[in-house]
């Protein structure tokens, strides 16, 4: 953490954070699009984004982009 309270990420840390954000955004948007309430979708995306396999995430991402 810097002296002004900001966290500085390494390049690999930044890549990981961007990956988690992408997963969260795609999963929550997808859940909302299929009728899940926004509040529940955001909570569920938080639960799933860290444990979902890369294979399953890529399949979901592909399906979302087709629709």
C-alpha atoms as a PDB file:
ATOM      1  CA  UNK A   1       0.000   0.000   0.000  1.00  0.00           C
ATOM      2  CA  UNK A   2       1.275   3.452  -0.819  1.00  0.00           C
ATOM      3  CA  UNK A   3       1.588   6.234   1.703  1.00  0.00           C
ATOM      4  CA  UNK A   4      -1.686   7.777   0.536  1.00  0.00           C
ATOM      5  CA  UNK A   5      -3.706   4.604   1.107  1.00  0.00           C
ATOM      6  CA  UNK A   6      -3.785   3.262  -2.450  1.00  0.00           C
ATOM      7  CA  UNK A   7      -2.920  -0.316  -3.263  1.00  0.00           C
ATOM      8  CA  UNK A   8      -0.447  -0.867  -6.079  1.00  0.00           C
ATOM      9  CA  UNK A   9      -0.705  -4.164  -7.940  1.00  0.00           C
ATOM     10  CA  UNK A  10       2.055  -6.015  -9.689  1.00  0.00           C
ATOM     11  CA  UNK A  11       1.454  -6.756 -13.367  1.00  0.00           C
ATOM     12  CA  UNK A  12       0.385 -10.317 -12.546  1.00  0.00           C
ATOM     13  CA  UNK A  13      -1.860  -9.039  -9.755  1.00  0.00           C
ATOM     14  CA  UNK A  14      -3.481  -6.579 -12.126  1.00  0.00           C
ATOM     15  CA  UNK A  15      -4.075  -9.339 -14.701  1.00  0.00           C
ATOM     16  CA  UNK A  16      -5.678 -11.530 -12.035  1.00  0.00           C
ATOM     17  CA  UNK A  17      -7.892  -8.673 -10.828  1.00  0.00           C
ATOM     18  CA  UNK A  18      -9.000  -7.932 -14.395  1.00  0.00           C
ATOM     19  CA  UNK A  19      -9.785 -11.622 -14.906  1.00  0.00           C
ATOM     20  CA  UNK A  20     -11.941 -11.767 -11.774  1.00  0.00           C
ATOM     21  CA  UNK A  21     -13.721  -8.546 -12.792  1.00  0.00           C
ATOM     22  CA  UNK A  22     -14.442  -9.951 -16.265  1.00  0.00           C
ATOM     23  CA  UNK A  23     -15.851 -13.136 -14.744  1.00  0.00           C
ATOM     24  CA  UNK A  24     -17.981 -11.172 -12.296  1.00  0.00           C
ATOM     25  CA  UNK A  25     -19.336  -8.842 -14.973  1.00  0.00           C
ATOM     26  CA  UNK A  26     -20.155 -11.558 -17.487  1.00  0.00           C
ATOM     27  CA  UNK A  27     -21.689 -13.881 -14.904  1.00  0.00           C
ATOM     28  CA  UNK A  28     -23.808 -11.213 -13.212  1.00  0.00           C
ATOM     29  CA  UNK A  29     -24.996  -9.758 -16.541  1.00  0.00           C
ATOM     30  CA  UNK A  30     -25.865 -13.249 -17.792  1.00  0.00           C
ATOM     31  CA  UNK A  31     -27.803 -14.112 -14.632  1.00  0.00           C
ATOM     32  CA  UNK A  32     -29.731 -10.842 -14.855  1.00  0.00           C
ATOM     33  CA  UNK A  33     -30.491 -11.516 -18.543  1.00  0.00           C
ATOM     34  CA  UNK A  34     -32.085 -14.859 -17.692  1.00  0.00           C
ATOM     35  CA  UNK A  35     -34.339 -13.340 -15.065  1.00  0.00           C
ATOM     36  CA  UNK A  36     -32.373 -13.398 -11.821  1.00  0.00           C
ATOM     37  CA  UNK A  37     -32.831 -10.260  -9.740  1.00  0.00           C
ATOM     38  CA  UNK A  38     -29.875  -7.856  -9.824  1.00  0.00           C
ATOM     39  CA  UNK A  39     -29.182  -8.288  -6.100  1.00  0.00           C
ATOM     40  CA  UNK A  40     -29.148 -12.091  -6.290  1.00  0.00           C
ATOM     41  CA  UNK A  41     -27.171 -12.099  -9.552  1.00  0.00           C
ATOM     42  CA  UNK A  42     -24.426  -9.945  -8.039  1.00  0.00           C
ATOM     43  CA  UNK A  43     -24.234 -12.135  -4.933  1.00  0.00           C
ATOM     44  CA  UNK A  44     -24.193 -15.367  -6.935  1.00  0.00           C
ATOM     45  CA  UNK A  45     -21.576 -14.036  -9.360  1.00  0.00           C
ATOM     46  CA  UNK A  46     -19.322 -13.324  -6.353  1.00  0.00           C
ATOM     47  CA  UNK A  47     -19.700 -16.919  -5.211  1.00  0.00           C
ATOM     48  CA  UNK A  48     -19.104 -18.471  -8.623  1.00  0.00           C
ATOM     49  CA  UNK A  49     -16.444 -16.246 -10.194  1.00  0.00           C
ATOM     50  CA  UNK A  50     -13.556 -17.629  -8.140  1.00  0.00           C
ATOM     51  CA  UNK A  51     -14.348 -21.339  -8.415  1.00  0.00           C
ATOM     52  CA  UNK A  52     -15.770 -21.789 -11.912  1.00  0.00           C
ATOM     53  CA  UNK A  53     -13.456 -23.720 -14.223  1.00  0.00           C
ATOM     54  CA  UNK A  54     -11.905 -21.891 -17.149  1.00  0.00           C
ATOM     55  CA  UNK A  55     -13.643 -24.319 -19.520  1.00  0.00           C
ATOM     56  CA  UNK A  56     -17.103 -23.553 -18.113  1.00  0.00           C
ATOM     57  CA  UNK A  57     -16.466 -19.821 -17.982  1.00  0.00           C
ATOM     58  CA  UNK A  58     -15.293 -19.731 -21.599  1.00  0.00           C
ATOM     59  CA  UNK A  59     -18.422 -21.657 -22.674  1.00  0.00           C
ATOM     60  CA  UNK A  60     -20.671 -19.202 -20.804  1.00  0.00           C
ATOM     61  CA  UNK A  61     -18.784 -16.229 -22.238  1.00  0.00           C
ATOM     62  CA  UNK A  62     -19.139 -17.652 -25.746  1.00  0.00           C
ATOM     63  CA  UNK A  63     -22.863 -18.255 -25.273  1.00  0.00           C
ATOM     64  CA  UNK A  64     -23.401 -14.745 -23.885  1.00  0.00           C
ATOM     65  CA  UNK A  65     -21.599 -13.142 -26.809  1.00  0.00           C
ATOM     66  CA  UNK A  66     -23.709 -15.124 -29.312  1.00  0.00           C
ATOM     67  CA  UNK A  67     -26.955 -13.869 -27.839  1.00  0.00           C
END
